[in-house]
Structure formats: C-alpha cells, structure tokens
C-alpha cells in the first residue's frame, strides 16, 4: 500500500513539473516556426519570452520572432526586434542573418540610405551564398529604384549568378530578373540580354499567375531590340539585303554600299566596293558575295580584296539576289538571267533565256538540295529539279498566275511559295502539281523567310504577314504592331530574332520567338 501511495505521489509531482516546464512554449514555438506557421509561432514565442524572460532560450526566441515578423510582412516589427537583439546580444550566433533581415526590411519601408549602410558592410563578412544573394538582390533593387543602373546591374547580376548557382524556391528572384530586363532595355548593345531576362521574368510570372505576365508577354512580342539607321552610322536607310554572320551583320544598301555592323560594339564599318548601288548579298566563312547594279563581286574577308566576276560576255551587270547552294553561288541578273559561280573552280556559267531559266530577266531565286527556283519579270516562276533536269514553269494562264512579274520565291519541301507583283502569294505543290493562291490580300510581296512552320512574307506597303502553314493562321506585323515602316524589302530570321530591312527606314531587329505549338 505504501509503495502504491509513493508511486501516485511521484506521478503527480512529475506531471506537475512537466506542466510547469518553462521551455514548453519555446519548443512549441520553435516547431511552429520550422513548419512556417509564423503567426502561431510568433504568438507562442512572445508568451514564452514574457513568462520566462531569464531563460537562455530567450536569445533564440528573439531570433525566431524577428524572422517571423519579416515573413509576415511586418517590417517595422522585424526592425525593432533586430535592434533589440543587436543591443542585448552583440555576439548573437545569427547576427549576420539578422543584419540582412534588418537591411531588407529597411528597403521595404523605403529607408534606402539606411538599408545600404546596413547591408554594404555585410558583403565583406558574409560567407553564405544564400545570404550574399539576399544582400546583392536588395542592394541591386535599391540602385534600380534610384535609377543608378550601372551599380544596380552589378549587384543584380551577382544576385542572379548566386541564385542560379544554388536555386532556392524560397528566394524571390522575380524582381531581380525583372529589374535586369528593364535596365538592359535602355541599352542598345544589351537588349538581347534584356530579352533573356524578360523571358525568365515571364516564366516566373506565369507560374505564380501574376497579372503582370500578360503585359510582359505583350512587351516581349512587340519588342524592337535594336534600330540600325543613319543615326548610328548607316550610309543609306534603304536596305537591299541583310546577312547575319555571328557578331557581324553585313548590310547591302541601295545607294550607300556595303557595311559591316558589329553588334557587340554597336558599331558600323564601311567595306569599299566599286559600286554603291547594291541589291543582294551572301556571306560564307571566307568570302562575301555581292550583287550590284554595276557589277557582281567577291570580297575576301581577311584581306578585303575585291574581285569583279564576269562571264564570257564580260563583267556582270544589273545584279539582284544572291544565294549559295552547296559549292555554287547563284546571282540573279536582269540582263543575263541566272549566273552560277563555282566557288572551287572560280568559274561562272550563265543560264539565260536559252536555258531552262527561259529568261534573261531573273529577279528572285532560292535553292535547296534538290531544286532551284527562280522568279522572273517576264516568264513567271521556274522550278528546276537538279537531279532529273525537269523544269516546271508557273506562268500566267487560266488557273495560273495573274502576273508573270515574280519578286520572291521560297522552297519549302514539296511546296514553293511564289510572290507575284501586284497580284499576291501562290503556293505550288510539287507532288500534286497544283497551284493555290493564298487567301491573303497582299498585292506586293517582296521577300520570304521561313522558320519551321512559319512563313514570313515581307511586302511593299503592308508590312509583314506570318503564315502558320500547319494551321493556315495569318498574323500581321505592321507599323501599328511596332514596325518602323510598312515598306519591307528584306527579312532574315536568326533564332528568335527577326531582322527587317526597309526602304528609307533602315533596319529593325525584333524579338519574335516561335509560338508554342
């Protein structure tokens, strides 16, 4: 009986001690904090500190309270609690993180000068990449708010690098990418970087279902990333042709000759030629091939040496377009037809009205592994099978073209796109041997370009139309949608970028990513 009584007394005492455990609320608050239940954790930890102010764990509780206040968006409370911790516990084990919390909160309450004074010294002390990211991010956003873009970009790029090194879903990288995008949008040499950061910003905005995502996507679709014209050194704003060659972009102008645009430096250099009236251009590894009103030229990249090309009748004149097909360069001319230049043997062959070309007035041309297509001013379009020697002529007749004046051709597998002047765009199916006119009111097609399922149609006066050949959907890009002019003469596609050459308006470089399928 005595043993039973002692056991009961012991149990009652143990329960009483457990009920009065001074650390019970601390441990409860710590668990709630770990589970990110910050509001409940804060309430419990405040009770613990009030009830047991002399326990050793109070020091840690103050840390949890400061972090919880920041997580709940109560920056004034977080700052006050960090100040108390710094005054009471100068050597707190979390003092560096608390300093970062204080700096972040000072930024949030627009005390930017104090935030900078708090955070800048910490960069020399903090070793943790996660904390360094937060410091760089906040200093970068402070610089962005103050329009100190040079300083801001340094901190923000450091933040992006640290984040991408060790991504953390809890880290708010959205504002970093967004600020970098808008900083670089104002820099003509860095707009490609702006596009990259804008894409990252949009991806996060869409994941978070932010309302800003739609506005940013519209900005990205309409973005002209660069203007090249007389204001930055272009001799003539009328563009005949464009070829992108890595960092170098070669531009043939109607009256200002040939120039090389170094886009990383936003700099233009003139390349001397016998003629300034250029019409076509092709660039390969070693040479630049140029057609002009006065001649056809090969320019050696390394030496700059210019060779004037000729055939049996002498120097070539009235050159128009230039393309490469395997070892051959083709030049269209308005007086001798199609010129085939062998880049190995350095010899020319003239294909005029006595050949399959059937005309001396060749304007447009394209070629692939199997076919050569030409557009003439008087005989329509002709498609030549290189393997069989068979030639198909698409000309004016019932069920055919309405105009034999063809200004653009494009080979696209079994299909050939034909742009007839003052008429419209036709598609010839080589398998079915049938011709169809696109139901697009474009009377003056001037240039074609292709990217996967997209066919870009440049026009004289109506901007650009983008045909999705899988769905037949047509999108328009005109001056209303951001072009500098509707008089489009040259269209080139480089990945996500669209190079547009105008008559009298220079060049636009637009960001035009392939639409999601």
Protein backbone atom coordinates (compact mmCIF):
# COMPACT_ATOMS: atom_id res chain seq x y z
CA UNK A 1 0.00 0.00 0.00
CA UNK A 2 2.83 2.35 0.85
CA UNK A 3 4.52 1.61 -2.48
CA UNK A 4 1.31 2.42 -4.35
CA UNK A 5 0.96 5.72 -2.46
CA UNK A 6 4.57 6.71 -3.23
CA UNK A 7 4.07 5.83 -6.90
CA UNK A 8 0.96 8.03 -7.13
CA UNK A 9 2.71 10.93 -5.41
CA UNK A 10 5.71 10.60 -7.75
CA UNK A 11 3.46 10.61 -10.83
CA UNK A 12 1.56 13.68 -9.64
CA UNK A 13 4.81 15.55 -8.99
CA UNK A 14 6.22 14.53 -12.40
CA UNK A 15 3.07 15.72 -14.15
CA UNK A 16 3.18 18.97 -12.22
CA UNK A 17 6.82 19.54 -13.18
CA UNK A 18 6.04 18.73 -16.84
CA UNK A 19 3.10 21.11 -16.80
CA UNK A 20 5.31 23.83 -15.40
CA UNK A 21 8.20 23.20 -17.83
CA UNK A 22 9.40 26.75 -18.66
CA UNK A 23 10.65 25.66 -22.12
CA UNK A 24 7.42 24.04 -23.27
CA UNK A 25 6.19 27.10 -25.16
CA UNK A 26 9.66 27.71 -26.60
CA UNK A 27 9.79 24.23 -28.10
CA UNK A 28 6.22 24.52 -29.36
CA UNK A 29 7.01 27.89 -30.97
CA UNK A 30 10.21 26.50 -32.49
CA UNK A 31 8.27 23.63 -34.10
CA UNK A 32 5.66 26.02 -35.46
CA UNK A 33 8.45 28.23 -36.86
CA UNK A 34 10.06 25.23 -38.57
CA UNK A 35 6.69 24.44 -40.17
CA UNK A 36 6.47 28.07 -41.33
CA UNK A 37 3.39 28.73 -39.25
CA UNK A 38 4.82 32.13 -38.44
CA UNK A 39 1.73 33.75 -36.95
CA UNK A 40 1.19 30.93 -34.45
CA UNK A 41 4.91 30.68 -33.73
CA UNK A 42 5.12 34.41 -33.02
CA UNK A 43 2.19 34.30 -30.58
CA UNK A 44 3.62 31.31 -28.70
CA UNK A 45 7.16 32.67 -28.54
CA UNK A 46 6.00 36.08 -27.28
CA UNK A 47 4.20 34.30 -24.45
CA UNK A 48 7.37 32.33 -23.69
CA UNK A 49 9.55 35.47 -23.56
CA UNK A 50 7.03 37.31 -21.37
CA UNK A 51 6.65 34.41 -18.95
CA UNK A 52 10.29 33.31 -18.80
CA UNK A 53 12.49 36.32 -19.63
CA UNK A 54 15.61 34.86 -17.97
CA UNK A 55 15.78 31.51 -19.72
CA UNK A 56 18.78 31.01 -22.03
CA UNK A 57 16.45 30.11 -24.90
CA UNK A 58 15.04 33.66 -24.93
CA UNK A 59 18.02 34.65 -27.08
CA UNK A 60 16.98 32.15 -29.76
CA UNK A 61 13.31 33.07 -29.36
CA UNK A 62 14.08 36.68 -30.26
CA UNK A 63 15.71 35.46 -33.47
CA UNK A 64 12.61 33.43 -34.37
CA UNK A 65 10.41 36.44 -33.61
CA UNK A 66 12.41 38.75 -35.90
CA UNK A 67 12.35 36.26 -38.78
CA UNK A 68 8.63 35.58 -38.26
CA UNK A 69 7.83 39.30 -38.30
CA UNK A 70 9.63 39.68 -41.63
CA UNK A 71 7.89 36.60 -43.06
CA UNK A 72 4.52 38.06 -42.04
CA UNK A 73 5.36 41.34 -43.80
CA UNK A 74 5.60 43.37 -40.58
CA UNK A 75 8.91 45.06 -41.36
CA UNK A 76 8.62 47.70 -38.64
CA UNK A 77 8.28 44.98 -36.01
CA UNK A 78 11.16 43.00 -37.55
CA UNK A 79 13.45 46.07 -37.49
CA UNK A 80 12.53 46.81 -33.86
CA UNK A 81 13.24 43.22 -32.81
CA UNK A 82 16.59 43.12 -34.64
CA UNK A 83 17.57 46.37 -32.93
CA UNK A 84 16.76 44.84 -29.53
CA UNK A 85 18.75 41.70 -30.35
CA UNK A 86 21.75 43.75 -31.53
CA UNK A 87 21.72 45.81 -28.32
CA UNK A 88 21.25 42.84 -25.97
CA UNK A 89 23.19 40.12 -27.79
CA UNK A 90 26.02 41.75 -29.73
CA UNK A 91 27.58 38.35 -30.44
CA UNK A 92 24.35 36.56 -31.38
CA UNK A 93 25.15 33.47 -33.47
CA UNK A 94 22.69 34.66 -36.14
CA UNK A 95 23.83 38.30 -36.11
CA UNK A 96 24.81 38.34 -39.81
CA UNK A 97 21.46 36.97 -40.95
CA UNK A 98 19.66 39.38 -38.64
CA UNK A 99 21.64 42.23 -40.17
CA UNK A 100 20.43 41.10 -43.59
CA UNK A 101 16.84 40.94 -42.31
CA UNK A 102 17.15 44.50 -40.99
CA UNK A 103 18.58 45.75 -44.30
CA UNK A 104 15.85 44.04 -46.32
CA UNK A 105 13.16 45.49 -44.08
CA UNK A 106 14.66 48.98 -44.22
CA UNK A 107 14.47 48.71 -48.00
CA UNK A 108 10.83 47.61 -47.77
CA UNK A 109 9.91 50.68 -45.68
CA UNK A 110 11.77 52.94 -48.17
CA UNK A 111 14.67 53.75 -45.83
CA UNK A 112 17.08 53.11 -48.69
CA UNK A 113 20.06 55.01 -47.35
CA UNK A 114 19.90 53.19 -44.02
CA UNK A 115 19.39 49.88 -45.81
CA UNK A 116 22.53 50.45 -47.90
CA UNK A 117 24.56 51.42 -44.82
CA UNK A 118 23.36 48.25 -43.11
CA UNK A 119 23.92 45.81 -45.98
CA UNK A 120 27.06 47.05 -47.76
CA UNK A 121 29.47 46.22 -44.86
CA UNK A 122 27.93 42.74 -44.56
CA UNK A 123 29.15 41.76 -48.03
CA UNK A 124 32.68 41.59 -46.62
CA UNK A 125 31.61 39.42 -43.69
CA UNK A 126 29.02 37.01 -45.05
CA UNK A 127 30.24 33.69 -46.46
CA UNK A 128 26.89 32.02 -47.10
CA UNK A 129 25.81 32.19 -50.76
CA UNK A 130 22.17 32.34 -49.68
CA UNK A 131 22.80 35.44 -47.55
CA UNK A 132 25.06 37.03 -50.15
CA UNK A 133 22.27 36.55 -52.68
CA UNK A 134 19.86 38.45 -50.43
CA UNK A 135 22.33 41.29 -49.89
CA UNK A 136 23.17 41.63 -53.60
CA UNK A 137 19.49 41.44 -54.50
CA UNK A 138 18.47 44.19 -52.09
CA UNK A 139 21.38 46.49 -52.97
CA UNK A 140 20.57 45.96 -56.67
CA UNK A 141 16.90 46.81 -56.21
CA UNK A 142 17.86 49.93 -54.22
CA UNK A 143 20.08 51.02 -57.11
CA UNK A 144 17.31 50.25 -59.60
CA UNK A 145 14.82 52.37 -57.63
CA UNK A 146 17.34 55.23 -57.60
CA UNK A 147 17.99 54.80 -61.38
CA UNK A 148 21.64 54.11 -60.63
CA UNK A 149 21.55 51.42 -63.29
CA UNK A 150 25.28 50.81 -63.58
CA UNK A 151 25.60 50.00 -59.87
CA UNK A 152 22.26 48.18 -59.82
CA UNK A 153 23.18 45.89 -62.71
CA UNK A 154 26.40 44.78 -60.97
CA UNK A 155 24.55 43.77 -57.78
CA UNK A 156 21.60 42.23 -59.64
CA UNK A 157 23.82 40.14 -61.92
CA UNK A 158 25.72 38.92 -58.86
CA UNK A 159 22.38 38.02 -57.27
CA UNK A 160 21.25 36.15 -60.40
CA UNK A 161 24.56 34.27 -60.55
CA UNK A 162 24.31 33.26 -56.88
CA UNK A 163 20.69 32.20 -57.27
CA UNK A 164 21.35 30.11 -60.37
CA UNK A 165 24.32 28.50 -58.61
CA UNK A 166 22.08 27.20 -55.80
CA UNK A 167 18.41 27.81 -56.68
CA UNK A 168 16.07 28.15 -53.72
CA UNK A 169 12.34 28.13 -54.20
CA UNK A 170 12.01 30.45 -51.21
CA UNK A 171 14.27 33.10 -52.76
CA UNK A 172 12.45 35.85 -54.63
CA UNK A 173 14.36 36.05 -57.92
CA UNK A 174 11.41 37.54 -59.82
CA UNK A 175 12.25 41.19 -59.05
CA UNK A 176 15.91 40.58 -59.89
CA UNK A 177 15.16 39.29 -63.40
CA UNK A 178 12.52 41.96 -63.93
CA UNK A 179 14.85 44.82 -62.94
CA UNK A 180 17.68 43.49 -65.12
CA UNK A 181 15.31 43.21 -68.09
CA UNK A 182 14.22 46.84 -67.81
CA UNK A 183 17.78 48.08 -67.21
CA UNK A 184 19.02 46.42 -70.40
CA UNK A 185 16.03 47.52 -72.45
CA UNK A 186 17.51 51.03 -72.36
CA UNK A 187 20.89 49.84 -73.66
CA UNK A 188 21.08 49.27 -77.43
CA UNK A 189 24.04 46.90 -77.07
CA UNK A 190 22.44 44.81 -74.32
CA UNK A 191 18.88 44.33 -75.50
CA UNK A 192 19.46 40.65 -76.25
CA UNK A 193 20.25 40.28 -72.53
CA UNK A 194 17.04 42.16 -71.76
CA UNK A 195 15.12 39.61 -73.79
CA UNK A 196 16.70 36.71 -71.90
CA UNK A 197 15.85 38.22 -68.51
CA UNK A 198 12.37 39.17 -69.68
CA UNK A 199 11.73 35.56 -70.68
CA UNK A 200 12.79 34.37 -67.23
CA UNK A 201 10.58 37.00 -65.61
CA UNK A 202 7.58 35.91 -67.66
CA UNK A 203 8.14 32.24 -66.82
CA UNK A 204 8.01 33.01 -63.09
CA UNK A 205 5.06 35.38 -63.50
CA UNK A 206 3.08 32.69 -65.33
CA UNK A 207 3.94 30.07 -62.70
CA UNK A 208 2.74 32.42 -59.96
CA UNK A 209 -0.23 33.53 -62.08
CA UNK A 210 0.74 37.18 -61.73
CA UNK A 211 -1.35 39.74 -63.61
CA UNK A 212 1.83 41.34 -64.95
CA UNK A 213 2.64 38.26 -67.02
CA UNK A 214 0.27 39.31 -69.80
CA UNK A 215 1.73 42.81 -70.05
CA UNK A 216 5.28 41.48 -70.10
CA UNK A 217 4.41 38.99 -72.85
CA UNK A 218 2.94 41.76 -74.98
CA UNK A 219 6.10 43.81 -74.43
CA UNK A 220 8.25 40.86 -75.44
CA UNK A 221 6.26 40.15 -78.60
CA UNK A 222 6.39 43.79 -79.72
CA UNK A 223 9.95 44.41 -78.64
CA UNK A 224 12.21 46.02 -81.22
CA UNK A 225 15.54 45.19 -79.72
CA UNK A 226 17.62 47.38 -81.98
CA UNK A 227 17.39 50.13 -84.59
CA UNK A 228 20.13 50.50 -87.19
CA UNK A 229 19.94 53.56 -89.40
CA UNK A 230 21.75 56.77 -90.32
CA UNK A 231 21.69 57.93 -86.70
CA UNK A 232 24.24 55.26 -85.77
CA UNK A 233 26.30 55.38 -88.95
CA UNK A 234 24.39 53.65 -91.73
CA UNK A 235 25.17 55.38 -95.03
CA UNK A 236 21.74 54.73 -96.58
CA UNK A 237 18.42 53.87 -94.93
CA UNK A 238 17.21 51.88 -97.97
CA UNK A 239 18.16 48.26 -97.32
CA UNK A 240 18.72 45.80 -100.16
CA UNK A 241 19.80 42.73 -98.18
CA UNK A 242 20.96 41.56 -94.74
CA UNK A 243 23.14 38.62 -93.73
CA UNK A 244 23.86 37.70 -90.10
CA UNK A 245 27.30 36.17 -89.54
CA UNK A 246 27.85 35.69 -85.81
CA UNK A 247 28.66 39.01 -84.20
CA UNK A 248 28.98 40.58 -87.65
CA UNK A 249 25.93 41.64 -89.62
CA UNK A 250 26.52 42.57 -93.26
CA UNK A 251 24.12 45.05 -94.81
CA UNK A 252 23.78 45.84 -98.51
CA UNK A 253 22.18 49.23 -99.15
CA UNK A 254 20.56 50.62 -102.26
CA UNK A 255 22.84 53.63 -102.53
CA UNK A 256 25.32 53.57 -99.65
CA UNK A 257 27.34 50.46 -100.44
CA UNK A 258 28.23 47.58 -98.13
CA UNK A 259 28.63 47.91 -94.37
CA UNK A 260 29.50 45.57 -91.54
CA UNK A 261 27.64 46.07 -88.28
CA UNK A 262 29.49 44.80 -85.17
CA UNK A 263 26.55 44.32 -82.86
CA UNK A 264 28.52 43.69 -79.65
CA UNK A 265 30.04 47.15 -80.09
CA UNK A 266 27.03 48.78 -81.78
CA UNK A 267 29.48 49.96 -84.44
CA UNK A 268 29.31 50.24 -88.25
CA UNK A 269 32.23 49.85 -90.66
CA UNK A 270 32.16 50.60 -94.40
CA UNK A 271 33.51 47.98 -96.84
CA UNK A 272 34.82 49.54 -100.05
CA UNK A 273 33.32 48.26 -103.33
CA UNK A 274 33.38 49.54 -106.93
CA UNK A 275 29.63 50.18 -106.69
CA UNK A 276 27.43 51.69 -104.00
CA UNK A 277 24.16 50.53 -105.62
CA UNK A 278 23.80 47.09 -104.07
CA UNK A 279 20.97 44.60 -104.46
CA UNK A 280 21.94 41.20 -103.00
CA UNK A 281 24.34 39.63 -100.53
CA UNK A 282 25.65 36.28 -99.33
CA UNK A 283 28.29 35.63 -96.65
CA UNK A 284 30.18 32.40 -96.06
CA UNK A 285 33.22 31.51 -93.94
CA UNK A 286 35.86 33.14 -96.14
CA UNK A 287 34.09 35.41 -98.60
CA UNK A 288 31.29 37.90 -99.12
CA UNK A 289 29.41 37.80 -102.41
CA UNK A 290 27.64 40.96 -103.52
CA UNK A 291 25.38 41.79 -106.46
CA UNK A 292 25.01 45.40 -107.51
CA UNK A 293 23.54 47.48 -110.30
CA UNK A 294 27.08 47.92 -111.68
CA UNK A 295 28.65 44.50 -111.12
CA UNK A 296 28.95 41.28 -109.15
CA UNK A 297 31.77 40.98 -106.59
CA UNK A 298 33.59 38.55 -104.35
CA UNK A 299 35.19 40.11 -101.26
CA UNK A 300 37.79 38.19 -99.25
CA UNK A 301 37.03 38.68 -95.57
CA UNK A 302 40.61 38.58 -94.31
CA UNK A 303 42.30 40.76 -96.90
CA UNK A 304 39.37 42.84 -98.09
CA UNK A 305 40.40 42.14 -101.68
CA UNK A 306 37.58 42.66 -104.19
CA UNK A 307 37.24 40.54 -107.34
CA UNK A 308 34.80 41.57 -110.07
CA UNK A 309 33.12 38.48 -111.53
CA UNK A 310 32.42 38.05 -115.22
CA UNK A 311 31.28 35.52 -117.81
CA UNK A 312 32.15 35.04 -121.50
CA UNK A 313 30.45 38.33 -122.34
CA UNK A 314 32.41 40.31 -119.77
CA UNK A 315 31.56 41.81 -116.39
CA UNK A 316 28.16 41.03 -114.95
CA UNK A 317 25.66 43.86 -114.58
CA UNK A 318 22.21 44.52 -113.12
CA UNK A 319 22.68 42.01 -110.31
CA UNK A 320 19.76 41.38 -107.95
CA UNK A 321 19.70 38.47 -105.48
CA UNK A 322 22.45 36.19 -104.15
CA UNK A 323 22.23 32.73 -102.57
CA UNK A 324 24.52 29.74 -102.00
CA UNK A 325 23.76 26.14 -102.94
CA UNK A 326 26.43 23.62 -101.94
CA UNK A 327 29.59 24.69 -103.83
CA UNK A 328 27.77 27.17 -106.06
CA UNK A 329 26.84 30.79 -105.57
CA UNK A 330 23.87 31.95 -107.66
CA UNK A 331 23.32 35.53 -108.76
CA UNK A 332 20.16 36.77 -110.45
CA UNK A 333 20.56 39.47 -113.07
CA UNK A 334 18.13 41.49 -115.16
CA UNK A 335 20.09 41.21 -118.41
CA UNK A 336 21.79 37.77 -118.42
CA UNK A 337 19.46 35.61 -116.37
CA UNK A 338 20.86 33.32 -113.68
CA UNK A 339 24.61 33.22 -113.01
CA UNK A 340 26.10 30.10 -111.43
CA UNK A 341 29.51 30.62 -109.83
CA UNK A 342 31.65 27.60 -108.88
CA UNK A 343 33.45 28.57 -105.64
CA UNK A 344 36.06 25.80 -106.13
CA UNK A 345 36.93 26.24 -109.81
CA UNK A 346 36.25 30.02 -109.67
CA UNK A 347 34.24 29.83 -112.90
CA UNK A 348 30.85 31.17 -113.94
CA UNK A 349 28.09 29.64 -116.02
CA UNK A 350 25.34 31.84 -117.45
CA UNK A 351 21.80 30.44 -117.60
CA UNK A 352 19.64 32.79 -119.64
CA UNK A 353 16.65 32.61 -121.92
CA UNK A 354 18.21 29.77 -123.95
CA UNK A 355 18.40 27.56 -120.84
CA UNK A 356 15.79 26.10 -118.51
CA UNK A 357 15.55 29.60 -116.94
CA UNK A 358 13.83 30.84 -120.18
CA UNK A 359 14.51 34.49 -119.31
CA UNK A 360 17.34 36.99 -119.03
CA UNK A 361 15.32 39.00 -116.50
CA UNK A 362 15.75 36.95 -113.34
CA UNK A 363 14.92 38.73 -110.11
CA UNK A 364 14.19 36.23 -107.28
CA UNK A 365 15.80 32.90 -106.52
CA UNK A 366 16.07 30.12 -103.96
CA UNK A 367 17.70 26.69 -103.84
CA UNK A 368 17.85 23.57 -101.70
CA UNK A 369 19.39 20.12 -102.06
CA UNK A 370 17.07 19.06 -104.90
CA UNK A 371 15.71 22.17 -106.59
CA UNK A 372 16.50 25.65 -107.84
CA UNK A 373 13.61 28.10 -108.12
CA UNK A 374 13.75 31.44 -109.90
CA UNK A 375 11.32 34.31 -110.25
CA UNK A 376 11.49 36.30 -113.48
CA UNK A 377 9.99 39.60 -114.57
CA UNK A 378 8.54 38.18 -117.78
CA UNK A 379 8.23 34.39 -117.58
CA UNK A 380 6.79 33.78 -114.12
CA UNK A 381 8.49 31.29 -111.80
CA UNK A 382 10.51 28.25 -112.82
CA UNK A 383 11.38 25.25 -110.63
CA UNK A 384 14.30 23.10 -111.79
CA UNK A 385 14.96 19.59 -110.49
CA UNK A 386 18.75 19.33 -110.28
CA UNK A 387 18.75 15.53 -110.31
CA UNK A 388 16.34 14.84 -113.17
CA UNK A 389 16.75 18.05 -115.16
CA UNK A 390 12.98 18.51 -115.25
CA UNK A 391 11.71 22.10 -115.11
CA UNK A 392 8.23 23.29 -114.15
CA UNK A 393 7.13 26.74 -115.25
CA UNK A 394 4.47 28.61 -113.25
CA UNK A 395 3.24 31.37 -115.50
CA UNK A 396 0.18 33.43 -116.40
CA UNK A 397 -2.76 31.44 -117.74
CA UNK A 398 -6.14 30.22 -116.62
CA UNK A 399 -5.66 28.67 -113.19
CA UNK A 400 -2.12 30.07 -113.05
CA UNK A 401 -0.55 33.37 -112.05
CA UNK A 402 -2.19 36.67 -112.88
CA UNK A 403 1.19 38.34 -113.18
CA UNK A 404 4.42 36.95 -114.60
CA UNK A 405 6.40 39.55 -112.65
CA UNK A 406 7.67 37.41 -109.73
CA UNK A 407 9.52 39.25 -106.95
CA UNK A 408 10.02 36.44 -104.40
CA UNK A 409 10.30 32.64 -104.30
CA UNK A 410 10.79 30.22 -101.43
CA UNK A 411 11.38 26.47 -101.45
CA UNK A 412 9.79 24.67 -98.52
CA UNK A 413 9.99 20.92 -99.02
CA UNK A 414 7.35 19.89 -101.54
CA UNK A 415 5.96 23.43 -101.65
CA UNK A 416 7.16 26.53 -103.47
CA UNK A 417 5.93 29.96 -102.39
CA UNK A 418 5.69 32.45 -105.23
CA UNK A 419 5.24 36.18 -104.73
CA UNK A 420 3.75 37.79 -107.86
CA UNK A 421 3.98 41.58 -108.09
CA UNK A 422 0.60 43.38 -107.92
CA UNK A 423 -1.07 40.01 -107.51
CA UNK A 424 -0.38 38.04 -104.32
CA UNK A 425 1.23 34.90 -102.94
CA UNK A 426 0.80 31.47 -104.51
CA UNK A 427 1.79 28.02 -103.28
CA UNK A 428 2.81 25.33 -105.77
CA UNK A 429 2.59 21.71 -104.57
CA UNK A 430 5.28 19.76 -106.47
CA UNK A 431 3.74 16.40 -105.59
CA UNK A 432 0.23 17.25 -106.73
CA UNK A 433 1.47 19.68 -109.41
CA UNK A 434 -1.18 22.15 -108.30
CA UNK A 435 -1.12 25.91 -107.72
CA UNK A 436 -3.13 27.67 -104.99
CA UNK A 437 -3.40 31.37 -104.30
CA UNK A 438 -3.23 32.25 -100.61
CA UNK A 439 -6.33 33.98 -99.34
CA UNK A 440 -4.32 36.94 -98.10
CA UNK A 441 -4.76 40.33 -99.71
CA UNK A 442 -1.08 41.13 -100.27
CA UNK A 443 -0.59 42.72 -103.67
CA UNK A 444 3.11 43.49 -103.48
CA UNK A 445 5.04 40.62 -101.83
CA UNK A 446 8.73 41.49 -101.67
CA UNK A 447 10.55 38.89 -99.55
CA UNK A 448 10.11 35.47 -97.96
CA UNK A 449 11.73 33.83 -94.93
CA UNK A 450 10.97 30.54 -93.22
CA UNK A 451 11.33 29.21 -89.68
CA UNK A 452 9.90 25.75 -89.01
CA UNK A 453 6.14 26.06 -89.66
CA UNK A 454 6.21 29.85 -90.05
CA UNK A 455 6.44 31.58 -93.42
CA UNK A 456 7.30 35.29 -93.17
CA UNK A 457 6.06 37.38 -96.08
CA UNK A 458 7.53 40.87 -96.43
CA UNK A 459 5.57 43.34 -98.54
CA UNK A 460 5.93 46.71 -100.19
CA UNK A 461 3.40 48.78 -98.27
CA UNK A 462 1.68 46.28 -95.96
CA UNK A 463 4.42 45.27 -93.53
CA UNK A 464 4.84 41.57 -92.80
CA UNK A 465 2.46 38.64 -92.71
CA UNK A 466 3.33 35.47 -90.81
CA UNK A 467 1.66 32.34 -92.16
CA UNK A 468 1.49 29.25 -89.98
CA UNK A 469 1.46 26.60 -92.67
CA UNK A 470 0.16 23.98 -90.21
CA UNK A 471 -2.99 25.91 -89.33
CA UNK A 472 -3.18 28.49 -92.16
CA UNK A 473 -3.50 31.18 -89.50
CA UNK A 474 -2.06 34.53 -90.61
CA UNK A 475 -0.64 37.13 -88.25
CA UNK A 476 0.12 40.67 -89.31
CA UNK A 477 3.09 42.77 -88.24
CA UNK A 478 2.82 46.36 -89.42
CA UNK A 479 3.69 49.84 -88.22
CA UNK A 480 0.73 49.53 -85.85
CA UNK A 481 2.32 46.44 -84.28
CA UNK A 482 5.74 48.09 -83.98
CA UNK A 483 7.49 48.11 -87.36
CA UNK A 484 9.29 51.32 -88.31
CA UNK A 485 7.72 51.17 -91.76
CA UNK A 486 5.39 49.04 -93.87
CA UNK A 487 7.83 49.20 -96.81
CA UNK A 488 9.67 45.93 -96.16
CA UNK A 489 12.36 44.86 -98.59
CA UNK A 490 14.44 42.28 -96.68
CA UNK A 491 13.54 39.73 -94.00
CA UNK A 492 16.05 37.48 -92.23
CA UNK A 493 15.48 35.19 -89.25
CA UNK A 494 18.16 34.39 -86.70
CA UNK A 495 16.82 32.10 -84.00
CA UNK A 496 14.30 34.15 -82.01
CA UNK A 497 15.25 37.38 -83.79
CA UNK A 498 13.73 38.92 -86.89
CA UNK A 499 15.85 41.30 -88.97
CA UNK A 500 13.73 43.61 -91.10
CA UNK A 501 15.23 45.88 -93.78
CA UNK A 502 13.10 48.78 -95.06
CA UNK A 503 13.12 51.22 -97.90
CA UNK A 504 14.07 54.59 -96.36
CA UNK A 505 13.83 53.42 -92.71
CA UNK A 506 16.95 51.34 -92.04
CA UNK A 507 16.74 48.12 -90.03
CA UNK A 508 14.69 46.86 -87.11
CA UNK A 509 15.72 43.82 -85.09
CA UNK A 510 12.65 42.35 -83.41
CA UNK A 511 12.37 39.60 -80.85
CA UNK A 512 9.94 37.12 -82.36
CA UNK A 513 10.12 33.75 -80.58
CA UNK A 514 8.48 30.79 -82.25
CA UNK A 515 4.98 30.46 -80.87
CA UNK A 516 4.21 27.47 -78.71
CA UNK A 517 2.59 24.68 -80.68
